Full PDB file with SEQRES, HELIX, SHEET, SSBOND, CRYST1, ORIGX, SCALE, CONECT and MASTER records, all heavy atoms in Angstrom:
SEQRES   1 A   42  PRO GLN MET ILE THR ASN MET ALA ALA GLY ASN ILE THR          
SEQRES   2 A   42  ILE GLN PHE GLY ILE LYS GLY LYS SER ILE ASN ILE ALA          
SEQRES   3 A   42  THR ALA CYS ALA THR GLY THR HIS ASN ILE GLY GLU ALA          
SEQRES   4 A   42  PHE ARG THR                                                  
HELIX    1 AA1 MET A    7  PHE A   16  1                                  10    
HELIX    2 AA2 ALA A   28  ALA A   30  5                                   3    
HELIX    3 AA3 THR A   31  ARG A   41  1                                  11    
CRYST1    1.000    1.000    1.000  90.00  90.00  90.00 P 1           1          
ORIGX1      1.000000  0.000000  0.000000        0.00000                         
ORIGX2      0.000000  1.000000  0.000000        0.00000                         
ORIGX3      0.000000  0.000000  1.000000        0.00000                         
SCALE1      1.000000  0.000000  0.000000        0.00000                         
SCALE2      0.000000  1.000000  0.000000        0.00000                         
SCALE3      0.000000  0.000000  1.000000        0.00000                         
ATOM      1  N   PRO A   1      87.135 -43.892 127.312  1.00  0.00           N  
ATOM      2  CA  PRO A   1      87.818 -44.717 126.295  1.00  0.00           C  
ATOM      3  C   PRO A   1      88.918 -44.084 125.477  1.00  0.00           C  
ATOM      4  O   PRO A   1      89.657 -44.687 124.731  1.00  0.00           O  
ATOM      5  CB  PRO A   1      86.744 -45.316 125.402  1.00  0.00           C  
ATOM      6  CG  PRO A   1      85.559 -44.303 125.651  1.00  0.00           C  
ATOM      7  CD  PRO A   1      85.679 -43.859 127.013  1.00  0.00           C  
ATOM      8  N   GLN A   2      88.956 -42.746 125.545  1.00  0.00           N  
ATOM      9  CA  GLN A   2      90.006 -42.061 124.765  1.00  0.00           C  
ATOM     10  C   GLN A   2      91.267 -41.934 125.687  1.00  0.00           C  
ATOM     11  O   GLN A   2      92.348 -41.862 125.252  1.00  0.00           O  
ATOM     12  CB  GLN A   2      89.470 -40.695 124.340  1.00  0.00           C  
ATOM     13  CG  GLN A   2      88.593 -40.645 123.125  1.00  0.00           C  
ATOM     14  CD  GLN A   2      88.094 -39.293 122.828  1.00  0.00           C  
ATOM     15  OE1 GLN A   2      88.043 -38.387 123.527  1.00  0.00           O  
ATOM     16  NE2 GLN A   2      87.797 -39.137 121.491  1.00  0.00           N  
ATOM     17  N   MET A   3      91.035 -41.726 126.989  1.00  0.00           N  
ATOM     18  CA  MET A   3      92.242 -41.475 127.833  1.00  0.00           C  
ATOM     19  C   MET A   3      92.937 -42.588 128.458  1.00  0.00           C  
ATOM     20  O   MET A   3      94.129 -42.563 128.811  1.00  0.00           O  
ATOM     21  CB  MET A   3      91.673 -40.600 128.999  1.00  0.00           C  
ATOM     22  CG  MET A   3      90.990 -41.387 130.050  1.00  0.00           C  
ATOM     23  SD  MET A   3      90.481 -40.261 131.538  1.00  0.00           S  
ATOM     24  CE  MET A   3      89.715 -41.425 132.686  1.00  0.00           C  
ATOM     25  N   ILE A   4      92.216 -43.729 128.565  1.00  0.00           N  
ATOM     26  CA  ILE A   4      92.861 -44.867 129.265  1.00  0.00           C  
ATOM     27  C   ILE A   4      94.008 -45.568 128.509  1.00  0.00           C  
ATOM     28  O   ILE A   4      93.909 -45.634 127.380  1.00  0.00           O  
ATOM     29  CB  ILE A   4      91.887 -45.921 129.835  1.00  0.00           C  
ATOM     30  CG1 ILE A   4      90.939 -46.409 128.756  1.00  0.00           C  
ATOM     31  CG2 ILE A   4      91.028 -45.339 130.972  1.00  0.00           C  
ATOM     32  CD1 ILE A   4      89.910 -47.305 129.110  1.00  0.00           C  
ATOM     33  N   THR A   5      95.018 -46.037 129.205  1.00  0.00           N  
ATOM     34  CA  THR A   5      96.282 -46.405 128.597  1.00  0.00           C  
ATOM     35  C   THR A   5      96.072 -47.706 127.755  1.00  0.00           C  
ATOM     36  O   THR A   5      96.848 -47.858 126.775  1.00  0.00           O  
ATOM     37  CB  THR A   5      97.407 -46.743 129.615  1.00  0.00           C  
ATOM     38  OG1 THR A   5      96.888 -47.785 130.500  1.00  0.00           O  
ATOM     39  CG2 THR A   5      97.707 -45.519 130.466  1.00  0.00           C  
ATOM     40  N   ASN A   6      95.146 -48.555 128.005  1.00  0.00           N  
ATOM     41  CA  ASN A   6      94.983 -49.808 127.247  1.00  0.00           C  
ATOM     42  C   ASN A   6      94.379 -49.617 125.844  1.00  0.00           C  
ATOM     43  O   ASN A   6      94.289 -50.447 124.996  1.00  0.00           O  
ATOM     44  CB  ASN A   6      94.106 -50.819 128.007  1.00  0.00           C  
ATOM     45  CG  ASN A   6      92.614 -50.336 128.144  1.00  0.00           C  
ATOM     46  OD1 ASN A   6      92.400 -49.233 128.697  1.00  0.00           O  
ATOM     47  ND2 ASN A   6      91.802 -51.178 127.609  1.00  0.00           N  
ATOM     48  N   MET A   7      93.864 -48.353 125.611  1.00  0.00           N  
ATOM     49  CA  MET A   7      93.259 -48.051 124.363  1.00  0.00           C  
ATOM     50  C   MET A   7      94.124 -48.144 123.085  1.00  0.00           C  
ATOM     51  O   MET A   7      93.629 -48.245 121.910  1.00  0.00           O  
ATOM     52  CB  MET A   7      92.403 -46.894 124.445  1.00  0.00           C  
ATOM     53  CG  MET A   7      91.144 -47.072 125.009  1.00  0.00           C  
ATOM     54  SD  MET A   7      90.129 -48.289 124.195  1.00  0.00           S  
ATOM     55  CE  MET A   7      88.912 -48.672 125.449  1.00  0.00           C  
ATOM     56  N   ALA A   8      95.339 -48.069 123.266  1.00  0.00           N  
ATOM     57  CA  ALA A   8      96.270 -48.348 122.064  1.00  0.00           C  
ATOM     58  C   ALA A   8      96.178 -49.899 121.763  1.00  0.00           C  
ATOM     59  O   ALA A   8      95.941 -50.116 120.573  1.00  0.00           O  
ATOM     60  CB  ALA A   8      97.741 -48.016 122.527  1.00  0.00           C  
ATOM     61  N   ALA A   9      96.334 -50.783 122.762  1.00  0.00           N  
ATOM     62  CA  ALA A   9      96.029 -52.182 122.364  1.00  0.00           C  
ATOM     63  C   ALA A   9      94.691 -52.455 121.967  1.00  0.00           C  
ATOM     64  O   ALA A   9      94.526 -53.247 121.004  1.00  0.00           O  
ATOM     65  CB  ALA A   9      96.472 -52.973 123.630  1.00  0.00           C  
ATOM     66  N   GLY A  10      93.626 -51.844 122.590  1.00  0.00           N  
ATOM     67  CA  GLY A  10      92.384 -52.070 122.234  1.00  0.00           C  
ATOM     68  C   GLY A  10      91.912 -51.729 120.857  1.00  0.00           C  
ATOM     69  O   GLY A  10      91.477 -52.536 120.028  1.00  0.00           O  
ATOM     70  N   ASN A  11      92.501 -50.531 120.383  1.00  0.00           N  
ATOM     71  CA  ASN A  11      92.247 -50.106 119.048  1.00  0.00           C  
ATOM     72  C   ASN A  11      92.957 -51.002 118.012  1.00  0.00           C  
ATOM     73  O   ASN A  11      92.480 -51.188 116.900  1.00  0.00           O  
ATOM     74  CB  ASN A  11      92.591 -48.698 118.903  1.00  0.00           C  
ATOM     75  CG  ASN A  11      91.433 -47.712 119.457  1.00  0.00           C  
ATOM     76  OD1 ASN A  11      90.364 -47.821 118.723  1.00  0.00           O  
ATOM     77  ND2 ASN A  11      91.665 -46.999 120.434  1.00  0.00           N  
ATOM     78  N   ILE A  12      94.212 -51.452 118.337  1.00  0.00           N  
ATOM     79  CA  ILE A  12      94.962 -52.258 117.435  1.00  0.00           C  
ATOM     80  C   ILE A  12      94.095 -53.676 117.229  1.00  0.00           C  
ATOM     81  O   ILE A  12      93.977 -54.088 116.044  1.00  0.00           O  
ATOM     82  CB  ILE A  12      96.280 -52.548 117.974  1.00  0.00           C  
ATOM     83  CG1 ILE A  12      97.213 -51.237 117.935  1.00  0.00           C  
ATOM     84  CG2 ILE A  12      97.011 -53.741 117.252  1.00  0.00           C  
ATOM     85  CD1 ILE A  12      98.540 -51.411 118.699  1.00  0.00           C  
ATOM     86  N   THR A  13      93.611 -54.103 118.264  1.00  0.00           N  
ATOM     87  CA  THR A  13      92.980 -55.438 118.101  1.00  0.00           C  
ATOM     88  C   THR A  13      91.647 -55.265 117.229  1.00  0.00           C  
ATOM     89  O   THR A  13      91.384 -56.050 116.403  1.00  0.00           O  
ATOM     90  CB  THR A  13      92.634 -56.140 119.395  1.00  0.00           C  
ATOM     91  OG1 THR A  13      91.717 -55.258 120.210  1.00  0.00           O  
ATOM     92  CG2 THR A  13      93.794 -56.319 120.350  1.00  0.00           C  
ATOM     93  N   ILE A  14      90.980 -54.119 117.406  1.00  0.00           N  
ATOM     94  CA  ILE A  14      89.803 -53.782 116.646  1.00  0.00           C  
ATOM     95  C   ILE A  14      90.075 -53.610 115.167  1.00  0.00           C  
ATOM     96  O   ILE A  14      89.418 -54.144 114.246  1.00  0.00           O  
ATOM     97  CB  ILE A  14      89.013 -52.706 117.272  1.00  0.00           C  
ATOM     98  CG1 ILE A  14      88.441 -52.951 118.627  1.00  0.00           C  
ATOM     99  CG2 ILE A  14      87.987 -52.190 116.317  1.00  0.00           C  
ATOM    100  CD1 ILE A  14      88.022 -51.760 119.460  1.00  0.00           C  
ATOM    101  N   GLN A  15      91.180 -52.801 114.915  1.00  0.00           N  
ATOM    102  CA  GLN A  15      91.485 -52.524 113.519  1.00  0.00           C  
ATOM    103  C   GLN A  15      91.991 -53.673 112.815  1.00  0.00           C  
ATOM    104  O   GLN A  15      91.811 -53.755 111.564  1.00  0.00           O  
ATOM    105  CB  GLN A  15      92.593 -51.392 113.543  1.00  0.00           C  
ATOM    106  CG  GLN A  15      92.168 -50.016 114.064  1.00  0.00           C  
ATOM    107  CD  GLN A  15      91.173 -49.323 113.122  1.00  0.00           C  
ATOM    108  OE1 GLN A  15      91.429 -49.277 111.986  1.00  0.00           O  
ATOM    109  NE2 GLN A  15      90.074 -48.690 113.627  1.00  0.00           N  
ATOM    110  N   PHE A  16      92.763 -54.625 113.423  1.00  0.00           N  
ATOM    111  CA  PHE A  16      93.263 -55.713 112.727  1.00  0.00           C  
ATOM    112  C   PHE A  16      92.701 -57.006 112.974  1.00  0.00           C  
ATOM    113  O   PHE A  16      93.270 -58.119 112.422  1.00  0.00           O  
ATOM    114  CB  PHE A  16      94.767 -55.711 112.900  1.00  0.00           C  
ATOM    115  CG  PHE A  16      95.493 -54.398 112.553  1.00  0.00           C  
ATOM    116  CD1 PHE A  16      95.741 -53.384 113.488  1.00  0.00           C  
ATOM    117  CD2 PHE A  16      95.938 -54.231 111.256  1.00  0.00           C  
ATOM    118  CE1 PHE A  16      96.339 -52.150 113.082  1.00  0.00           C  
ATOM    119  CE2 PHE A  16      96.453 -53.080 110.784  1.00  0.00           C  
ATOM    120  CZ  PHE A  16      96.610 -51.967 111.755  1.00  0.00           C  
ATOM    121  N   GLY A  17      91.628 -57.131 113.769  1.00  0.00           N  
ATOM    122  CA  GLY A  17      90.948 -58.470 113.930  1.00  0.00           C  
ATOM    123  C   GLY A  17      91.671 -59.405 114.712  1.00  0.00           C  
ATOM    124  O   GLY A  17      91.612 -60.656 114.653  1.00  0.00           O  
ATOM    125  N   ILE A  18      92.436 -58.803 115.750  1.00  0.00           N  
ATOM    126  CA  ILE A  18      93.203 -59.747 116.629  1.00  0.00           C  
ATOM    127  C   ILE A  18      92.374 -60.110 117.845  1.00  0.00           C  
ATOM    128  O   ILE A  18      91.869 -59.343 118.598  1.00  0.00           O  
ATOM    129  CB  ILE A  18      94.479 -58.960 117.128  1.00  0.00           C  
ATOM    130  CG1 ILE A  18      95.403 -58.577 115.989  1.00  0.00           C  
ATOM    131  CG2 ILE A  18      95.213 -59.612 118.299  1.00  0.00           C  
ATOM    132  CD1 ILE A  18      96.482 -57.648 116.234  1.00  0.00           C  
ATOM    133  N   LYS A  19      92.236 -61.496 118.070  1.00  0.00           N  
ATOM    134  CA  LYS A  19      91.412 -61.913 119.108  1.00  0.00           C  
ATOM    135  C   LYS A  19      92.119 -62.750 120.155  1.00  0.00           C  
ATOM    136  O   LYS A  19      91.388 -63.230 121.097  1.00  0.00           O  
ATOM    137  CB  LYS A  19      90.265 -62.764 118.434  1.00  0.00           C  
ATOM    138  CG  LYS A  19      89.333 -61.922 117.552  1.00  0.00           C  
ATOM    139  CD  LYS A  19      88.237 -62.757 116.946  1.00  0.00           C  
ATOM    140  CE  LYS A  19      87.320 -61.963 116.072  1.00  0.00           C  
ATOM    141  NZ  LYS A  19      86.186 -62.749 115.546  1.00  0.00           N  
ATOM    142  N   GLY A  20      93.441 -62.814 120.117  1.00  0.00           N  
ATOM    143  CA  GLY A  20      94.197 -63.539 121.132  1.00  0.00           C  
ATOM    144  C   GLY A  20      94.424 -62.698 122.367  1.00  0.00           C  
ATOM    145  O   GLY A  20      93.830 -61.640 122.504  1.00  0.00           O  
ATOM    146  N   LYS A  21      95.332 -63.180 123.182  1.00  0.00           N  
ATOM    147  CA  LYS A  21      95.742 -62.342 124.380  1.00  0.00           C  
ATOM    148  C   LYS A  21      96.002 -60.971 124.082  1.00  0.00           C  
ATOM    149  O   LYS A  21      96.810 -60.600 123.130  1.00  0.00           O  
ATOM    150  CB  LYS A  21      96.994 -63.013 124.965  1.00  0.00           C  
ATOM    151  CG  LYS A  21      97.538 -62.381 126.177  1.00  0.00           C  
ATOM    152  CD  LYS A  21      98.818 -63.184 126.640  1.00  0.00           C  
ATOM    153  CE  LYS A  21      99.395 -62.696 127.933  1.00  0.00           C  
ATOM    154  NZ  LYS A  21     100.566 -63.519 128.355  1.00  0.00           N  
ATOM    155  N   SER A  22      95.417 -59.949 124.767  1.00  0.00           N  
ATOM    156  CA  SER A  22      95.690 -58.595 124.518  1.00  0.00           C  
ATOM    157  C   SER A  22      95.805 -57.824 125.820  1.00  0.00           C  
ATOM    158  O   SER A  22      94.841 -57.851 126.670  1.00  0.00           O  
ATOM    159  CB  SER A  22      94.364 -57.854 123.767  1.00  0.00           C  
ATOM    160  OG  SER A  22      94.608 -56.610 123.605  1.00  0.00           O  
ATOM    161  N   ILE A  23      96.978 -57.377 126.075  1.00  0.00           N  
ATOM    162  CA  ILE A  23      97.302 -56.687 127.420  1.00  0.00           C  
ATOM    163  C   ILE A  23      98.064 -55.444 127.217  1.00  0.00           C  
ATOM    164  O   ILE A  23      98.639 -55.235 126.146  1.00  0.00           O  
ATOM    165  CB  ILE A  23      98.168 -57.615 128.347  1.00  0.00           C  
ATOM    166  CG1 ILE A  23      99.453 -58.033 127.729  1.00  0.00           C  
ATOM    167  CG2 ILE A  23      97.340 -58.804 128.759  1.00  0.00           C  
ATOM    168  CD1 ILE A  23     100.219 -59.009 128.540  1.00  0.00           C  
ATOM    169  N   ASN A  24      98.047 -54.577 128.257  1.00  0.00           N  
ATOM    170  CA  ASN A  24      98.698 -53.260 128.202  1.00  0.00           C  
ATOM    171  C   ASN A  24      99.487 -53.131 129.476  1.00  0.00           C  
ATOM    172  O   ASN A  24      99.019 -53.074 130.598  1.00  0.00           O  
ATOM    173  CB  ASN A  24      97.659 -52.154 128.109  1.00  0.00           C  
ATOM    174  CG  ASN A  24      98.169 -50.860 128.654  1.00  0.00           C  
ATOM    175  OD1 ASN A  24      99.133 -50.346 128.127  1.00  0.00           O  
ATOM    176  ND2 ASN A  24      97.495 -50.302 129.624  1.00  0.00           N  
ATOM    177  N   ILE A  25     100.812 -53.227 129.398  1.00  0.00           N  
ATOM    178  CA  ILE A  25     101.709 -53.069 130.551  1.00  0.00           C  
ATOM    179  C   ILE A  25     102.118 -51.606 130.591  1.00  0.00           C  
ATOM    180  O   ILE A  25     102.738 -51.135 129.680  1.00  0.00           O  
ATOM    181  CB  ILE A  25     102.943 -54.046 130.566  1.00  0.00           C  
ATOM    182  CG1 ILE A  25     102.364 -55.538 130.379  1.00  0.00           C  
ATOM    183  CG2 ILE A  25     103.836 -53.854 131.658  1.00  0.00           C  
ATOM    184  CD1 ILE A  25     103.449 -56.547 129.957  1.00  0.00           C  
ATOM    185  N   ALA A  26     101.919 -50.943 131.706  1.00  0.00           N  
ATOM    186  CA  ALA A  26     102.281 -49.617 131.917  1.00  0.00           C  
ATOM    187  C   ALA A  26     103.329 -49.509 133.043  1.00  0.00           C  
ATOM    188  O   ALA A  26     102.911 -49.543 134.237  1.00  0.00           O  
ATOM    189  CB  ALA A  26     100.967 -48.711 132.291  1.00  0.00           C  
ATOM    190  N   THR A  27     104.467 -49.360 132.624  1.00  0.00           N  
ATOM    191  CA  THR A  27     105.631 -49.209 133.669  1.00  0.00           C  
ATOM    192  C   THR A  27     106.442 -47.959 133.278  1.00  0.00           C  
ATOM    193  O   THR A  27     107.692 -47.928 133.210  1.00  0.00           O  
ATOM    194  CB  THR A  27     106.462 -50.482 133.670  1.00  0.00           C  
ATOM    195  OG1 THR A  27     106.859 -50.897 132.368  1.00  0.00           O  
ATOM    196  CG2 THR A  27     105.802 -51.601 134.320  1.00  0.00           C  
ATOM    197  N   ALA A  28     105.741 -46.884 133.005  1.00  0.00           N  
ATOM    198  CA  ALA A  28     106.341 -45.571 132.762  1.00  0.00           C  
ATOM    199  C   ALA A  28     107.299 -45.806 131.630  1.00  0.00           C  
ATOM    200  O   ALA A  28     107.053 -46.247 130.556  1.00  0.00           O  
ATOM    201  CB  ALA A  28     107.071 -45.039 134.039  1.00  0.00           C  
ATOM    202  N   CYS A  29     108.622 -45.301 131.920  1.00  0.00           N  
ATOM    203  CA  CYS A  29     109.712 -45.301 130.829  1.00  0.00           C  
ATOM    204  C   CYS A  29     110.124 -46.704 130.387  1.00  0.00           C  
ATOM    205  O   CYS A  29     110.806 -46.796 129.447  1.00  0.00           O  
ATOM    206  CB  CYS A  29     110.855 -44.533 131.274  1.00  0.00           C  
ATOM    207  SG  CYS A  29     110.432 -42.858 131.975  1.00  0.00           S  
ATOM    208  N   ALA A  30     109.690 -47.728 131.113  1.00  0.00           N  
ATOM    209  CA  ALA A  30     110.061 -49.177 130.785  1.00  0.00           C  
ATOM    210  C   ALA A  30     109.034 -49.884 129.988  1.00  0.00           C  
ATOM    211  O   ALA A  30     109.146 -51.004 129.658  1.00  0.00           O  
ATOM    212  CB  ALA A  30     110.467 -49.996 131.985  1.00  0.00           C  
ATOM    213  N   THR A  31     107.866 -49.202 129.765  1.00  0.00           N  
ATOM    214  CA  THR A  31     106.631 -49.785 129.170  1.00  0.00           C  
ATOM    215  C   THR A  31     106.925 -50.414 127.850  1.00  0.00           C  
ATOM    216  O   THR A  31     106.618 -51.600 127.643  1.00  0.00           O  
ATOM    217  CB  THR A  31     105.655 -48.651 128.943  1.00  0.00           C  
ATOM    218  OG1 THR A  31     105.136 -48.178 130.244  1.00  0.00           O  
ATOM    219  CG2 THR A  31     104.445 -49.209 128.147  1.00  0.00           C  
ATOM    220  N   GLY A  32     107.614 -49.893 126.875  1.00  0.00           N  
ATOM    221  CA  GLY A  32     107.883 -50.568 125.612  1.00  0.00           C  
ATOM    222  C   GLY A  32     108.649 -51.732 125.655  1.00  0.00           C  
ATOM    223  O   GLY A  32     108.233 -52.791 125.138  1.00  0.00           O  
ATOM    224  N   THR A  33     109.646 -51.752 126.568  1.00  0.00           N  
ATOM    225  CA  THR A  33     110.517 -52.937 126.619  1.00  0.00           C  
ATOM    226  C   THR A  33     109.825 -53.991 127.341  1.00  0.00           C  
ATOM    227  O   THR A  33     109.853 -55.250 126.993  1.00  0.00           O  
ATOM    228  CB  THR A  33     111.880 -52.560 127.319  1.00  0.00           C  
ATOM    229  OG1 THR A  33     112.496 -51.614 126.565  1.00  0.00           O  
ATOM    230  CG2 THR A  33     112.703 -53.805 127.457  1.00  0.00           C  
ATOM    231  N   HIS A  34     108.946 -53.637 128.472  1.00  0.00           N  
ATOM    232  CA  HIS A  34     108.290 -54.787 129.188  1.00  0.00           C  
ATOM    233  C   HIS A  34     107.326 -55.314 128.209  1.00  0.00           C  
ATOM    234  O   HIS A  34     107.009 -56.546 128.229  1.00  0.00           O  
ATOM    235  CB  HIS A  34     107.586 -54.101 130.340  1.00  0.00           C  
ATOM    236  CG  HIS A  34     108.437 -54.089 131.584  1.00  0.00           C  
ATOM    237  ND1 HIS A  34     108.596 -52.955 132.404  1.00  0.00           N  
ATOM    238  CD2 HIS A  34     109.266 -55.037 132.123  1.00  0.00           C  
ATOM    239  CE1 HIS A  34     109.324 -53.216 133.345  1.00  0.00           C  
ATOM    240  NE2 HIS A  34     109.846 -54.513 133.244  1.00  0.00           N  
ATOM    241  N   ASN A  35     106.485 -54.538 127.355  1.00  0.00           N  
ATOM    242  CA  ASN A  35     105.564 -55.168 126.494  1.00  0.00           C  
ATOM    243  C   ASN A  35     106.201 -56.061 125.501  1.00  0.00           C  
ATOM    244  O   ASN A  35     105.688 -57.137 125.158  1.00  0.00           O  
ATOM    245  CB  ASN A  35     104.801 -54.071 125.807  1.00  0.00           C  
ATOM    246  CG  ASN A  35     103.728 -53.470 126.696  1.00  0.00           C  
ATOM    247  OD1 ASN A  35     102.583 -53.982 126.782  1.00  0.00           O  
ATOM    248  ND2 ASN A  35     103.982 -52.433 127.455  1.00  0.00           N  
ATOM    249  N   ILE A  36     107.360 -55.684 124.979  1.00  0.00           N  
ATOM    250  CA  ILE A  36     108.036 -56.608 124.012  1.00  0.00           C  
ATOM    251  C   ILE A  36     108.481 -57.935 124.679  1.00  0.00           C  
ATOM    252  O   ILE A  36     108.313 -59.036 124.173  1.00  0.00           O  
ATOM    253  CB  ILE A  36     109.134 -55.949 123.347  1.00  0.00           C  
ATOM    254  CG1 ILE A  36     108.576 -54.749 122.474  1.00  0.00           C  
ATOM    255  CG2 ILE A  36     109.936 -56.878 122.397  1.00  0.00           C  
ATOM    256  CD1 ILE A  36     109.703 -53.846 121.831  1.00  0.00           C  
ATOM    257  N   GLY A  37     108.979 -57.724 125.924  1.00  0.00           N  
ATOM    258  CA  GLY A  37     109.480 -58.855 126.721  1.00  0.00           C  
ATOM    259  C   GLY A  37     108.425 -59.875 127.002  1.00  0.00           C  
ATOM    260  O   GLY A  37     108.587 -61.052 126.909  1.00  0.00           O  
ATOM    261  N   GLU A  38     107.307 -59.251 127.455  1.00  0.00           N  
ATOM    262  CA  GLU A  38     106.178 -60.148 127.800  1.00  0.00           C  
ATOM    263  C   GLU A  38     105.489 -60.801 126.575  1.00  0.00           C  
ATOM    264  O   GLU A  38     104.899 -61.899 126.667  1.00  0.00           O  
ATOM    265  CB  GLU A  38     105.192 -59.411 128.683  1.00  0.00           C  
ATOM    266  CG  GLU A  38     105.632 -58.822 130.024  1.00  0.00           C  
ATOM    267  CD  GLU A  38     106.068 -60.009 130.929  1.00  0.00           C  
ATOM    268  OE1 GLU A  38     105.476 -61.055 130.903  1.00  0.00           O  
ATOM    269  OE2 GLU A  38     107.137 -59.820 131.611  1.00  0.00           O  
ATOM    270  N   ALA A  39     105.515 -60.058 125.491  1.00  0.00           N  
ATOM    271  CA  ALA A  39     105.025 -60.704 124.168  1.00  0.00           C  
ATOM    272  C   ALA A  39     105.922 -61.920 123.799  1.00  0.00           C  
ATOM    273  O   ALA A  39     105.384 -62.977 123.406  1.00  0.00           O  
ATOM    274  CB  ALA A  39     104.978 -59.752 123.106  1.00  0.00           C  
ATOM    275  N   PHE A  40     107.262 -61.698 123.999  1.00  0.00           N  
ATOM    276  CA  PHE A  40     108.274 -62.757 123.707  1.00  0.00           C  
ATOM    277  C   PHE A  40     107.915 -63.968 124.582  1.00  0.00           C  
ATOM    278  O   PHE A  40     107.928 -65.111 124.187  1.00  0.00           O  
ATOM    279  CB  PHE A  40     109.617 -62.182 124.044  1.00  0.00           C  
ATOM    280  CG  PHE A  40     110.740 -63.130 124.254  1.00  0.00           C  
ATOM    281  CD1 PHE A  40     111.117 -63.969 123.327  1.00  0.00           C  
ATOM    282  CD2 PHE A  40     111.377 -63.112 125.515  1.00  0.00           C  
ATOM    283  CE1 PHE A  40     112.218 -64.890 123.499  1.00  0.00           C  
ATOM    284  CE2 PHE A  40     112.554 -63.907 125.577  1.00  0.00           C  
ATOM    285  CZ  PHE A  40     112.879 -64.823 124.656  1.00  0.00           C  
ATOM    286  N   ARG A  41     107.656 -63.706 125.783  1.00  0.00           N  
ATOM    287  CA  ARG A  41     107.298 -64.793 126.864  1.00  0.00           C  
ATOM    288  C   ARG A  41     106.034 -65.534 126.419  1.00  0.00           C  
ATOM    289  O   ARG A  41     105.894 -66.779 126.467  1.00  0.00           O  
ATOM    290  CB  ARG A  41     107.092 -64.257 128.269  1.00  0.00           C  
ATOM    291  CG  ARG A  41     108.422 -63.920 128.956  1.00  0.00           C  
ATOM    292  CD  ARG A  41     109.116 -65.197 129.515  1.00  0.00           C  
ATOM    293  NE  ARG A  41     110.178 -64.769 130.301  1.00  0.00           N  
ATOM    294  CZ  ARG A  41     111.457 -64.828 129.878  1.00  0.00           C  
ATOM    295  NH1 ARG A  41     111.781 -65.091 128.565  1.00  0.00           N  
ATOM    296  NH2 ARG A  41     112.532 -64.258 130.563  1.00  0.00           N  
ATOM    297  N   THR A  42     105.124 -64.816 125.903  1.00  0.00           N  
ATOM    298  CA  THR A  42     103.743 -65.298 125.525  1.00  0.00           C  
ATOM    299  C   THR A  42     103.887 -66.330 124.397  1.00  0.00           C  
ATOM    300  O   THR A  42     103.319 -67.432 124.423  1.00  0.00           O  
ATOM    301  CB  THR A  42     102.820 -64.226 125.011  1.00  0.00           C  
ATOM    302  OG1 THR A  42     102.441 -63.279 126.154  1.00  0.00           O  
ATOM    303  CG2 THR A  42     101.517 -64.742 124.505  1.00  0.00           C  
TER     304      THR A  42                                                      
MASTER        0    0    0    3    0    0    0    6  303    1    0    4          
END                                                                             
């Protein structure tokens, strides 16, 4: 649970009580933009 990439999202949801859709898109150097884009679509 410390090494896997989704634990940034997982810990955010735990810390702030977020219970909706929670995903982790890992596309190397495009990760940040893809995550904002997919959140926009959501």
